């Protein structure tokens, strides 16, 4: 924004270029935020025959409030050393302490025939085993402000992100 203002101040004729700079400065982070929101995408395989068993096993790994959040959002909240994690079927979000910055990690569970809750459980166990390793190996899809990502998420994921951000603020 300051570069655009300096250009207009130096040469008012450069105002159109300044406007293009401002649009560019807004559009690029928005595109990456949309990419980051994709890590919480859901596979519509809730009708998988093994889903009830997988859901029960996932429920054994988490506490009661996390189970309730998973029922509403299909995301699992996990507190770690790096911050508060939201784990889904295809990736995880890390909300940093303070609740203002988020990192989106794309992680793939190679077995495609697994039910959605099994995929989430695999990622949860990998995260619990080595949090730093998980963050290092996973593909970073977006890093930025929570508000920018929040606008790109479906309502259920927004609820989980808000919960994770408030949890991170209390740390």
Protein backbone atom coordinates (compact mmCIF):
# COMPACT_ATOMS: atom_id res chain seq x y z
CA UNK A 1 0.00 0.00 0.00
CA UNK A 2 2.83 2.37 0.81
CA UNK A 3 4.48 1.66 -2.58
CA UNK A 4 1.27 2.71 -4.34
CA UNK A 5 1.04 5.88 -2.25
CA UNK A 6 4.68 6.79 -2.93
CA UNK A 7 4.17 6.32 -6.68
CA UNK A 8 1.18 8.66 -6.68
CA UNK A 9 3.06 11.17 -4.55
CA UNK A 10 6.11 11.11 -6.86
CA UNK A 11 4.17 11.16 -10.08
CA UNK A 12 0.39 11.56 -10.03
CA UNK A 13 0.27 10.18 -13.57
CA UNK A 14 1.23 6.78 -12.08
CA UNK A 15 -2.09 6.50 -10.24
CA UNK A 16 -3.38 3.71 -12.55
CA UNK A 17 -0.25 1.66 -11.87
CA UNK A 18 -0.77 2.26 -8.15
CA UNK A 19 -4.29 0.89 -8.41
CA UNK A 20 -2.95 -2.22 -10.16
CA UNK A 21 -0.40 -2.64 -7.34
CA UNK A 22 -3.17 -2.45 -4.74
CA UNK A 23 -5.29 -5.00 -6.59
CA UNK A 24 -2.28 -7.30 -6.86
CA UNK A 25 -1.50 -6.90 -3.16
CA UNK A 26 -5.05 -7.95 -2.33
CA UNK A 27 -5.58 -10.71 -4.92
CA UNK A 28 -2.49 -12.85 -4.34
CA UNK A 29 -3.13 -13.49 -0.61
CA UNK A 30 -6.79 -14.20 -1.44
CA UNK A 31 -5.78 -16.87 -3.94
CA UNK A 32 -3.48 -18.50 -1.41
CA UNK A 33 -6.19 -18.35 1.25
CA UNK A 34 -8.53 -20.23 -1.10
CA UNK A 35 -5.78 -22.81 -1.58
CA UNK A 36 -5.33 -23.06 2.19
CA UNK A 37 -9.05 -23.57 2.74
CA UNK A 38 -8.83 -26.58 0.44
CA UNK A 39 -6.93 -28.58 3.07
CA UNK A 40 -10.19 -28.90 5.01
CA UNK A 41 -12.11 -30.24 2.04
CA UNK A 42 -14.36 -33.16 2.77
CA UNK A 43 -14.59 -36.32 0.78
CA UNK A 44 -18.22 -37.19 0.40
CA UNK A 45 -17.64 -40.73 1.56
CA UNK A 46 -19.68 -40.62 4.74
CA UNK A 47 -21.56 -43.60 3.36
CA UNK A 48 -18.42 -45.76 3.49
CA UNK A 49 -19.30 -49.10 5.14
CA UNK A 50 -16.41 -48.82 7.60
CA UNK A 51 -17.21 -45.27 8.71
CA UNK A 52 -19.15 -46.16 11.91
CA UNK A 53 -16.26 -48.28 13.20
CA UNK A 54 -13.67 -45.68 12.17
CA UNK A 55 -15.70 -42.96 13.85
CA UNK A 56 -15.79 -45.00 17.06
CA UNK A 57 -12.03 -45.51 16.99
CA UNK A 58 -11.45 -41.80 16.38
CA UNK A 59 -13.80 -41.03 19.26
CA UNK A 60 -11.61 -43.16 21.54
CA UNK A 61 -8.61 -40.94 20.71
CA UNK A 62 -10.17 -37.63 21.74
CA UNK A 63 -12.03 -36.13 24.68
CA UNK A 64 -15.75 -35.41 24.89
CA UNK A 65 -15.68 -31.75 23.75
CA UNK A 66 -13.49 -32.64 20.76
CA UNK A 67 -15.90 -35.42 19.86
CA UNK A 68 -18.80 -32.96 19.92
CA UNK A 69 -16.86 -30.57 17.67
CA UNK A 70 -16.10 -33.44 15.28
CA UNK A 71 -19.78 -34.39 15.08
CA UNK A 72 -20.65 -30.82 14.02
CA UNK A 73 -17.68 -30.04 11.79
CA UNK A 74 -15.85 -33.32 10.98
CA UNK A 75 -12.68 -31.63 12.27
CA UNK A 76 -10.61 -32.64 15.31
CA UNK A 77 -9.10 -30.05 17.63
CA UNK A 78 -5.69 -30.92 19.10
CA UNK A 79 -3.54 -28.71 21.31
CA UNK A 80 0.17 -28.96 20.62
CA UNK A 81 3.41 -27.21 21.41
CA UNK A 82 3.30 -25.14 18.22
CA UNK A 83 -0.31 -24.03 18.72
CA UNK A 84 -3.81 -25.38 18.25
CA UNK A 85 -4.36 -27.81 15.38
CA UNK A 86 -7.53 -28.54 13.41
CA UNK A 87 -7.25 -31.88 11.65
CA UNK A 88 -9.42 -33.00 8.78
CA UNK A 89 -9.35 -35.79 6.22
CA UNK A 90 -6.93 -34.11 3.82
CA UNK A 91 -4.86 -31.83 5.99
CA UNK A 92 -4.51 -29.71 9.07
CA UNK A 93 -4.57 -26.10 10.18
CA UNK A 94 -2.22 -24.77 12.83
CA UNK A 95 -3.51 -21.71 14.68
CA UNK A 96 -0.50 -20.08 16.31
CA UNK A 97 -0.60 -18.87 19.93
CA UNK A 98 -2.47 -15.58 20.08
CA UNK A 99 -5.07 -16.83 17.59
CA UNK A 100 -4.29 -14.37 14.78
CA UNK A 101 -2.09 -16.39 12.42
CA UNK A 102 -2.84 -19.71 10.76
CA UNK A 103 -0.78 -22.18 8.75
CA UNK A 104 -2.56 -24.64 6.44
CA UNK A 105 -0.89 -27.98 5.75
CA UNK A 106 -1.93 -30.38 3.01
CA UNK A 107 -1.28 -34.01 3.98
CA UNK A 108 -2.36 -37.07 2.07
CA UNK A 109 -3.13 -40.45 3.59
CA UNK A 110 -2.13 -42.82 0.77
CA UNK A 111 -4.81 -45.48 1.34
CA UNK A 112 -7.76 -44.16 -0.69
CA UNK A 113 -10.14 -46.89 0.46
CA UNK A 114 -10.06 -45.77 4.10
CA UNK A 115 -13.17 -44.14 5.58
CA UNK A 116 -12.93 -40.38 6.29
CA UNK A 117 -12.66 -40.79 10.08
CA UNK A 118 -9.81 -43.27 9.62
CA UNK A 119 -7.91 -40.72 7.54
CA UNK A 120 -8.41 -38.13 10.27
CA UNK A 121 -7.25 -40.60 12.93
CA UNK A 122 -4.10 -41.36 10.92
CA UNK A 123 -3.24 -37.67 10.74
CA UNK A 124 -4.03 -37.16 14.43
CA UNK A 125 -1.73 -39.99 15.45
CA UNK A 126 1.04 -38.73 13.15
CA UNK A 127 0.70 -35.28 14.70
CA UNK A 128 0.81 -36.65 18.23
CA UNK A 129 3.87 -38.77 17.42
CA UNK A 130 6.00 -35.91 16.05
CA UNK A 131 4.41 -32.47 15.85
CA UNK A 132 7.48 -30.70 14.49
CA UNK A 133 8.09 -33.49 11.99
CA UNK A 134 4.44 -33.30 10.89
CA UNK A 135 4.76 -29.57 10.25
CA UNK A 136 8.04 -30.08 8.42
CA UNK A 137 6.94 -32.91 6.14
CA UNK A 138 3.46 -31.60 5.30
CA UNK A 139 3.03 -29.24 2.34
CA UNK A 140 2.37 -25.67 3.46
CA UNK A 141 -0.57 -24.41 1.41
CA UNK A 142 -1.16 -21.05 3.13
CA UNK A 143 0.23 -18.97 5.94
CA UNK A 144 -1.56 -15.81 6.93
CA UNK A 145 -4.24 -14.19 9.01
CA UNK A 146 -7.15 -16.15 10.43
CA UNK A 147 -9.71 -13.64 9.11
CA UNK A 148 -8.50 -14.07 5.51
CA UNK A 149 -8.82 -17.87 5.68
CA UNK A 150 -12.10 -17.77 7.60
CA UNK A 151 -13.92 -16.06 4.73
CA UNK A 152 -13.03 -18.97 2.42
CA UNK A 153 -14.27 -21.78 4.66
CA UNK A 154 -17.73 -23.37 4.83
CA UNK A 155 -19.82 -22.54 7.90
CA UNK A 156 -18.99 -25.73 9.81
CA UNK A 157 -15.25 -25.24 9.32
CA UNK A 158 -15.58 -21.59 10.37
CA UNK A 159 -17.04 -22.74 13.66
CA UNK A 160 -14.07 -25.05 14.24
CA UNK A 161 -11.57 -22.33 13.23
CA UNK A 162 -13.20 -19.85 15.63
CA UNK A 163 -12.98 -22.44 18.41
CA UNK A 164 -9.30 -23.11 17.63
CA UNK A 165 -8.50 -19.38 17.51
CA UNK A 166 -10.19 -18.76 20.88
CA UNK A 167 -8.32 -21.74 22.34
CA UNK A 168 -5.03 -20.31 21.04
CA UNK A 169 -5.77 -16.92 22.59
CA UNK A 170 -6.19 -18.51 26.02
CA UNK A 171 -2.77 -20.20 25.91
